[in-house]
Every structure is written in structure tokens, then in C-alpha cells.
N, C-alpha and C. Protein backbone atom coordinates (compact mmCIF):
# COMPACT_ATOMS: atom_id res chain seq x y z
N MET A 1 -15.98 -37.07 77.91
CA MET A 1 -16.66 -37.59 79.09
C MET A 1 -17.86 -36.72 79.45
N THR A 2 -17.75 -35.43 79.18
CA THR A 2 -18.88 -34.53 79.47
C THR A 2 -20.09 -34.87 78.63
N SER A 3 -19.86 -35.25 77.37
CA SER A 3 -21.01 -35.60 76.52
C SER A 3 -21.67 -36.89 77.00
N ILE A 4 -20.90 -37.82 77.51
CA ILE A 4 -21.49 -39.05 78.08
C ILE A 4 -22.34 -38.70 79.28
N HIS A 5 -21.85 -37.78 80.10
CA HIS A 5 -22.60 -37.33 81.28
C HIS A 5 -23.93 -36.71 80.86
N MET A 6 -23.92 -35.95 79.79
CA MET A 6 -25.17 -35.33 79.30
C MET A 6 -26.13 -36.39 78.73
N ILE A 7 -25.58 -37.39 78.03
CA ILE A 7 -26.42 -38.45 77.48
C ILE A 7 -27.08 -39.25 78.60
N VAL A 8 -26.29 -39.61 79.60
CA VAL A 8 -26.83 -40.35 80.73
C VAL A 8 -27.86 -39.51 81.48
N GLY A 9 -27.63 -38.19 81.56
CA GLY A 9 -28.61 -37.29 82.18
C GLY A 9 -29.94 -37.34 81.44
N THR A 10 -29.88 -37.37 80.12
CA THR A 10 -31.10 -37.50 79.33
C THR A 10 -31.77 -38.85 79.60
N LEU A 11 -30.99 -39.90 79.74
CA LEU A 11 -31.56 -41.22 80.04
C LEU A 11 -32.21 -41.24 81.42
N VAL A 12 -31.66 -40.51 82.37
CA VAL A 12 -32.27 -40.42 83.70
C VAL A 12 -33.65 -39.78 83.59
N ILE A 13 -33.74 -38.69 82.83
CA ILE A 13 -35.03 -38.01 82.67
C ILE A 13 -36.03 -38.92 81.98
N VAL A 14 -35.61 -39.58 80.91
CA VAL A 14 -36.51 -40.50 80.19
C VAL A 14 -36.94 -41.66 81.10
N GLY A 15 -36.00 -42.19 81.88
CA GLY A 15 -36.32 -43.29 82.78
C GLY A 15 -37.36 -42.91 83.81
N TYR A 16 -37.23 -41.72 84.36
CA TYR A 16 -38.20 -41.30 85.37
C TYR A 16 -39.55 -40.90 84.78
N VAL A 17 -39.56 -40.47 83.53
CA VAL A 17 -40.85 -40.23 82.85
C VAL A 17 -41.59 -41.56 82.67
N VAL A 18 -40.85 -42.60 82.28
CA VAL A 18 -41.47 -43.92 82.11
C VAL A 18 -41.98 -44.45 83.46
N VAL A 19 -41.18 -44.33 84.50
CA VAL A 19 -41.58 -44.80 85.82
C VAL A 19 -42.79 -44.02 86.32
N LEU A 20 -42.81 -42.72 86.06
CA LEU A 20 -43.97 -41.90 86.43
C LEU A 20 -45.23 -42.39 85.73
N ALA A 21 -45.12 -42.67 84.43
CA ALA A 21 -46.28 -43.17 83.68
C ALA A 21 -46.77 -44.50 84.26
N LEU A 22 -45.86 -45.39 84.59
CA LEU A 22 -46.24 -46.67 85.16
C LEU A 22 -46.92 -46.51 86.51
N ASN A 23 -46.39 -45.59 87.35
CA ASN A 23 -47.00 -45.39 88.67
C ASN A 23 -48.34 -44.69 88.58
N ILE A 24 -48.51 -43.79 87.62
CA ILE A 24 -49.83 -43.17 87.42
C ILE A 24 -50.83 -44.23 86.99
N ARG A 25 -50.41 -45.15 86.14
CA ARG A 25 -51.28 -46.26 85.72
C ARG A 25 -51.69 -47.11 86.94
N SER A 26 -50.73 -47.40 87.81
CA SER A 26 -51.05 -48.19 89.02
C SER A 26 -52.01 -47.44 89.93
N ALA A 27 -51.80 -46.13 90.05
CA ALA A 27 -52.67 -45.32 90.92
C ALA A 27 -54.09 -45.24 90.40
N THR A 28 -54.25 -45.23 89.07
CA THR A 28 -55.59 -45.08 88.52
C THR A 28 -56.31 -46.39 88.30
N THR A 29 -55.59 -47.44 87.95
CA THR A 29 -56.26 -48.73 87.65
C THR A 29 -56.21 -49.74 88.79
N GLY A 30 -55.25 -49.57 89.71
CA GLY A 30 -55.11 -50.55 90.79
C GLY A 30 -54.37 -51.80 90.36
N ARG A 31 -53.74 -51.75 89.22
CA ARG A 31 -52.96 -52.89 88.71
C ARG A 31 -51.55 -52.42 88.41
N GLU A 32 -50.60 -53.33 88.57
CA GLU A 32 -49.23 -53.01 88.21
C GLU A 32 -48.61 -54.17 87.47
N PHE A 33 -47.62 -53.85 86.64
CA PHE A 33 -46.92 -54.88 85.90
C PHE A 33 -45.93 -55.59 86.81
N SER A 34 -45.65 -56.84 86.50
CA SER A 34 -44.70 -57.60 87.33
C SER A 34 -43.29 -57.03 87.23
N TRP A 35 -42.97 -56.38 86.14
CA TRP A 35 -41.63 -55.83 85.90
C TRP A 35 -41.52 -54.35 86.25
N GLN A 36 -42.58 -53.78 86.80
CA GLN A 36 -42.62 -52.34 87.07
C GLN A 36 -41.56 -51.92 88.09
N LYS A 37 -41.38 -52.71 89.14
CA LYS A 37 -40.39 -52.36 90.16
C LYS A 37 -38.98 -52.40 89.58
N MET A 38 -38.74 -53.32 88.65
CA MET A 38 -37.42 -53.42 88.04
C MET A 38 -37.11 -52.18 87.17
N VAL A 39 -38.12 -51.63 86.53
CA VAL A 39 -37.93 -50.40 85.74
C VAL A 39 -37.55 -49.27 86.67
N SER A 40 -38.22 -49.19 87.82
CA SER A 40 -37.91 -48.16 88.79
C SER A 40 -36.48 -48.31 89.32
N PHE A 41 -36.09 -49.54 89.63
CA PHE A 41 -34.72 -49.77 90.08
C PHE A 41 -33.71 -49.45 88.95
N GLY A 42 -34.10 -49.72 87.72
CA GLY A 42 -33.24 -49.39 86.59
C GLY A 42 -33.01 -47.90 86.46
N ALA A 43 -34.08 -47.12 86.62
CA ALA A 43 -33.94 -45.66 86.57
C ALA A 43 -33.06 -45.16 87.71
N ALA A 44 -33.21 -45.73 88.90
CA ALA A 44 -32.36 -45.35 90.03
C ALA A 44 -30.91 -45.74 89.79
N THR A 45 -30.69 -46.87 89.15
CA THR A 45 -29.33 -47.29 88.84
C THR A 45 -28.66 -46.35 87.84
N VAL A 46 -29.43 -45.91 86.84
CA VAL A 46 -28.89 -44.93 85.89
C VAL A 46 -28.58 -43.61 86.60
N LEU A 47 -29.40 -43.24 87.58
CA LEU A 47 -29.12 -42.04 88.37
C LEU A 47 -27.81 -42.19 89.14
N ILE A 48 -27.57 -43.36 89.73
CA ILE A 48 -26.31 -43.61 90.43
C ILE A 48 -25.14 -43.53 89.46
N LEU A 49 -25.30 -44.11 88.27
CA LEU A 49 -24.27 -44.03 87.25
C LEU A 49 -23.99 -42.55 86.91
N GLN A 50 -25.04 -41.75 86.84
CA GLN A 50 -24.89 -40.33 86.55
C GLN A 50 -24.09 -39.64 87.67
N TYR A 51 -24.35 -39.98 88.90
CA TYR A 51 -23.57 -39.42 90.01
C TYR A 51 -22.10 -39.80 89.90
N MET A 52 -21.85 -41.06 89.58
CA MET A 52 -20.45 -41.52 89.45
C MET A 52 -19.74 -40.79 88.32
N LEU A 53 -20.41 -40.61 87.20
CA LEU A 53 -19.82 -39.86 86.09
C LEU A 53 -19.57 -38.41 86.49
N GLY A 54 -20.50 -37.80 87.19
CA GLY A 54 -20.33 -36.42 87.63
C GLY A 54 -19.17 -36.24 88.58
N PHE A 55 -19.04 -37.13 89.54
CA PHE A 55 -17.90 -37.03 90.46
C PHE A 55 -16.59 -37.34 89.75
N SER A 56 -16.63 -38.21 88.76
CA SER A 56 -15.44 -38.47 87.95
C SER A 56 -15.01 -37.22 87.20
N LEU A 57 -15.99 -36.50 86.64
CA LEU A 57 -15.67 -35.23 85.96
C LEU A 57 -15.09 -34.21 86.93
N LEU A 58 -15.63 -34.15 88.14
CA LEU A 58 -15.06 -33.24 89.14
C LEU A 58 -13.64 -33.64 89.49
N GLY A 59 -13.39 -34.94 89.54
CA GLY A 59 -12.05 -35.44 89.83
C GLY A 59 -11.06 -35.13 88.73
N GLU A 60 -11.55 -35.01 87.49
CA GLU A 60 -10.69 -34.68 86.36
C GLU A 60 -10.38 -33.19 86.29
N GLY A 61 -10.99 -32.41 87.16
CA GLY A 61 -10.73 -30.99 87.17
C GLY A 61 -11.75 -30.15 86.44
N LYS A 62 -12.81 -30.77 85.93
CA LYS A 62 -13.88 -30.01 85.30
C LYS A 62 -14.63 -29.21 86.38
N SER A 63 -15.06 -28.05 86.04
CA SER A 63 -15.76 -27.24 87.04
C SER A 63 -17.18 -26.97 86.58
N ILE A 64 -18.05 -26.89 87.56
CA ILE A 64 -19.46 -26.61 87.33
C ILE A 64 -19.94 -25.84 88.56
N THR A 65 -20.98 -25.10 88.42
CA THR A 65 -21.53 -24.40 89.57
C THR A 65 -21.93 -25.39 90.65
N SER A 66 -21.72 -25.01 91.88
CA SER A 66 -22.03 -25.92 92.98
C SER A 66 -23.51 -26.25 93.07
N TRP A 67 -24.37 -25.36 92.53
CA TRP A 67 -25.80 -25.62 92.52
C TRP A 67 -26.14 -26.86 91.71
N HIS A 68 -25.37 -27.13 90.68
CA HIS A 68 -25.65 -28.29 89.82
C HIS A 68 -25.60 -29.58 90.63
N TYR A 69 -24.51 -29.80 91.34
CA TYR A 69 -24.44 -31.08 92.05
C TYR A 69 -25.17 -31.06 93.38
N LEU A 70 -25.38 -29.91 93.98
CA LEU A 70 -26.19 -29.87 95.20
C LEU A 70 -27.65 -30.20 94.91
N ILE A 71 -28.15 -29.64 93.82
CA ILE A 71 -29.54 -29.94 93.43
C ILE A 71 -29.65 -31.40 92.97
N ALA A 72 -28.66 -31.85 92.21
CA ALA A 72 -28.69 -33.24 91.73
C ALA A 72 -28.70 -34.24 92.89
N LEU A 73 -27.92 -33.96 93.92
CA LEU A 73 -27.88 -34.86 95.07
C LEU A 73 -29.20 -34.88 95.84
N CYS A 74 -29.98 -33.83 95.73
CA CYS A 74 -31.29 -33.79 96.38
C CYS A 74 -32.26 -34.83 95.82
N ALA A 75 -31.98 -35.32 94.61
CA ALA A 75 -32.85 -36.34 94.01
C ALA A 75 -32.81 -37.65 94.79
N ILE A 76 -31.83 -37.83 95.63
CA ILE A 76 -31.75 -39.05 96.44
C ILE A 76 -32.97 -39.14 97.37
N ILE A 77 -33.45 -38.00 97.85
CA ILE A 77 -34.53 -38.00 98.84
C ILE A 77 -35.82 -38.58 98.27
N PRO A 78 -36.36 -38.06 97.13
CA PRO A 78 -37.59 -38.66 96.62
C PRO A 78 -37.40 -40.08 96.09
N VAL A 79 -36.22 -40.41 95.59
CA VAL A 79 -35.97 -41.78 95.15
C VAL A 79 -36.01 -42.71 96.35
N GLY A 80 -35.40 -42.30 97.45
CA GLY A 80 -35.47 -43.09 98.68
C GLY A 80 -36.89 -43.23 99.20
N PHE A 81 -37.66 -42.16 99.10
CA PHE A 81 -39.06 -42.20 99.52
C PHE A 81 -39.83 -43.21 98.68
N GLU A 82 -39.60 -43.18 97.36
CA GLU A 82 -40.32 -44.10 96.47
C GLU A 82 -39.95 -45.56 96.80
N HIS A 83 -38.68 -45.83 96.96
CA HIS A 83 -38.25 -47.22 97.15
C HIS A 83 -38.37 -47.69 98.58
N GLY A 84 -38.29 -46.77 99.54
CA GLY A 84 -38.32 -47.17 100.93
C GLY A 84 -39.70 -47.08 101.58
N TYR A 85 -40.44 -46.04 101.28
CA TYR A 85 -41.74 -45.86 101.95
C TYR A 85 -42.90 -46.25 101.06
N ALA A 86 -42.95 -45.69 99.86
CA ALA A 86 -44.11 -45.93 98.98
C ALA A 86 -44.22 -47.40 98.60
N SER A 87 -43.11 -48.06 98.37
CA SER A 87 -43.17 -49.46 97.92
C SER A 87 -43.65 -50.40 99.02
N GLN A 88 -43.70 -49.94 100.27
CA GLN A 88 -44.13 -50.78 101.38
C GLN A 88 -45.62 -50.69 101.68
N ARG A 89 -46.35 -49.84 100.97
CA ARG A 89 -47.79 -49.69 101.19
C ARG A 89 -48.50 -50.94 100.71
N ALA A 90 -49.58 -51.31 101.40
CA ALA A 90 -50.30 -52.54 101.09
C ALA A 90 -51.15 -52.40 99.81
N SER A 91 -51.76 -51.25 99.63
CA SER A 91 -52.65 -51.03 98.49
C SER A 91 -51.85 -50.60 97.26
N ILE A 92 -52.16 -51.22 96.13
CA ILE A 92 -51.50 -50.85 94.87
C ILE A 92 -51.81 -49.41 94.52
N VAL A 93 -53.04 -48.95 94.75
CA VAL A 93 -53.42 -47.59 94.42
C VAL A 93 -52.63 -46.61 95.28
N GLU A 94 -52.55 -46.88 96.56
CA GLU A 94 -51.78 -45.98 97.46
C GLU A 94 -50.31 -46.00 97.09
N ARG A 95 -49.80 -47.19 96.79
CA ARG A 95 -48.40 -47.32 96.38
C ARG A 95 -48.13 -46.52 95.10
N GLY A 96 -49.07 -46.62 94.15
CA GLY A 96 -48.93 -45.89 92.90
C GLY A 96 -48.99 -44.40 93.08
N LYS A 97 -49.90 -43.93 93.95
CA LYS A 97 -50.02 -42.47 94.20
C LYS A 97 -48.76 -41.91 94.85
N LEU A 98 -48.29 -42.58 95.89
CA LEU A 98 -47.10 -42.10 96.58
C LEU A 98 -45.86 -42.17 95.69
N ALA A 99 -45.73 -43.25 94.95
CA ALA A 99 -44.58 -43.40 94.06
C ALA A 99 -44.63 -42.36 92.94
N ALA A 100 -45.81 -42.09 92.40
CA ALA A 100 -45.94 -41.08 91.35
C ALA A 100 -45.59 -39.70 91.88
N MET A 101 -46.02 -39.41 93.10
CA MET A 101 -45.68 -38.13 93.71
C MET A 101 -44.16 -38.02 93.87
N ALA A 102 -43.53 -39.07 94.31
CA ALA A 102 -42.06 -39.06 94.45
C ALA A 102 -41.39 -38.92 93.08
N ASN A 103 -41.96 -39.54 92.06
CA ASN A 103 -41.40 -39.43 90.71
C ASN A 103 -41.50 -38.01 90.16
N VAL A 104 -42.58 -37.33 90.47
CA VAL A 104 -42.71 -35.93 90.04
C VAL A 104 -41.61 -35.09 90.69
N PHE A 105 -41.41 -35.25 91.98
CA PHE A 105 -40.36 -34.51 92.66
C PHE A 105 -38.98 -34.85 92.09
N THR A 106 -38.74 -36.14 91.85
CA THR A 106 -37.47 -36.56 91.26
C THR A 106 -37.26 -35.92 89.91
N LEU A 107 -38.30 -35.95 89.07
CA LEU A 107 -38.19 -35.35 87.74
C LEU A 107 -37.91 -33.87 87.81
N VAL A 108 -38.59 -33.16 88.67
CA VAL A 108 -38.34 -31.71 88.79
C VAL A 108 -36.90 -31.46 89.19
N ILE A 109 -36.43 -32.18 90.18
CA ILE A 109 -35.06 -31.98 90.65
C ILE A 109 -34.04 -32.30 89.55
N VAL A 110 -34.25 -33.43 88.88
CA VAL A 110 -33.32 -33.85 87.84
C VAL A 110 -33.33 -32.89 86.66
N ILE A 111 -34.49 -32.42 86.28
CA ILE A 111 -34.58 -31.46 85.17
C ILE A 111 -33.91 -30.14 85.53
N VAL A 112 -34.09 -29.67 86.74
CA VAL A 112 -33.43 -28.43 87.17
C VAL A 112 -31.91 -28.62 87.17
N ALA A 113 -31.43 -29.75 87.69
CA ALA A 113 -29.98 -30.03 87.67
C ALA A 113 -29.47 -30.11 86.22
N TYR A 114 -30.25 -30.72 85.35
CA TYR A 114 -29.87 -30.83 83.94
C TYR A 114 -29.77 -29.43 83.32
N MET A 115 -30.72 -28.58 83.64
CA MET A 115 -30.69 -27.22 83.11
C MET A 115 -29.49 -26.43 83.62
N PHE A 116 -29.13 -26.60 84.89
CA PHE A 116 -27.93 -25.94 85.41
C PHE A 116 -26.70 -26.45 84.66
N GLY A 117 -26.67 -27.74 84.36
CA GLY A 117 -25.54 -28.30 83.60
C GLY A 117 -25.47 -27.75 82.19
N GLU A 118 -26.62 -27.58 81.55
CA GLU A 118 -26.64 -27.06 80.20
C GLU A 118 -26.27 -25.58 80.14
N LEU A 119 -26.63 -24.83 81.17
CA LEU A 119 -26.42 -23.40 81.17
C LEU A 119 -25.06 -22.97 81.68
N ARG A 120 -24.26 -23.90 82.14
CA ARG A 120 -22.98 -23.54 82.73
C ARG A 120 -22.18 -22.81 81.74
């Protein structure tokens, strides 16, 4: 189960790299794909799956440093900012800039949590 958690963690990172690239494109060109929001929701869904797997591992008695899951849970904040605040902006460019900024923060948090998991 730990290896599945690590694989899904990698998918979370890849998902947010893709979402970041799409939002940078929106911020620079002023255009967005019709399916772009669904990719963002997909990355957030994989993150939720990762949380469920992590709590399942904790329930099985696996131990990890508390920093791993405290940092990982902090990723909820920029994801909420992206989906709640940035997505409500009228301008595609502004929406893309704010969402890309949130994606950078999400990526940093997720990568740090991933590194804590690898180094345990």
C-alpha cells in the first residue's frame, strides 16, 4: 500500500505540473481550453485520493513524521484558492495568473511533502 501511495504522489505532482502549464498558457495568451477546468479538478481529485491513502496507511499502523502529513494538508489552501477565488475572476488572463500562482504554491507544498515521505 505504501508503494501505491508513492505512485499516486507522483501522479499528484505530474497533475499539478500540467495544470500549471495550462494556467501559464491562459495567463500569457488570454485563451483557455474548454477542458482545462476538468484537468484542474482531476488533479485535485488525485490529491484527495492521496489523502485517503495516507490516512489509510496511518490507520494500518504505519508511521511517518508528523511534518509529512501536516505539510501535505497545507496543500488544501492553495487548491481552494485556485478553485474558489481564482476561478471566479472575469478576465481569463487574471484567472490564469492567480491560478498559476496557486499552482506554484501547491507544487512546492506537494514536493516538500513528497520529499519528507521519501526521506522517512
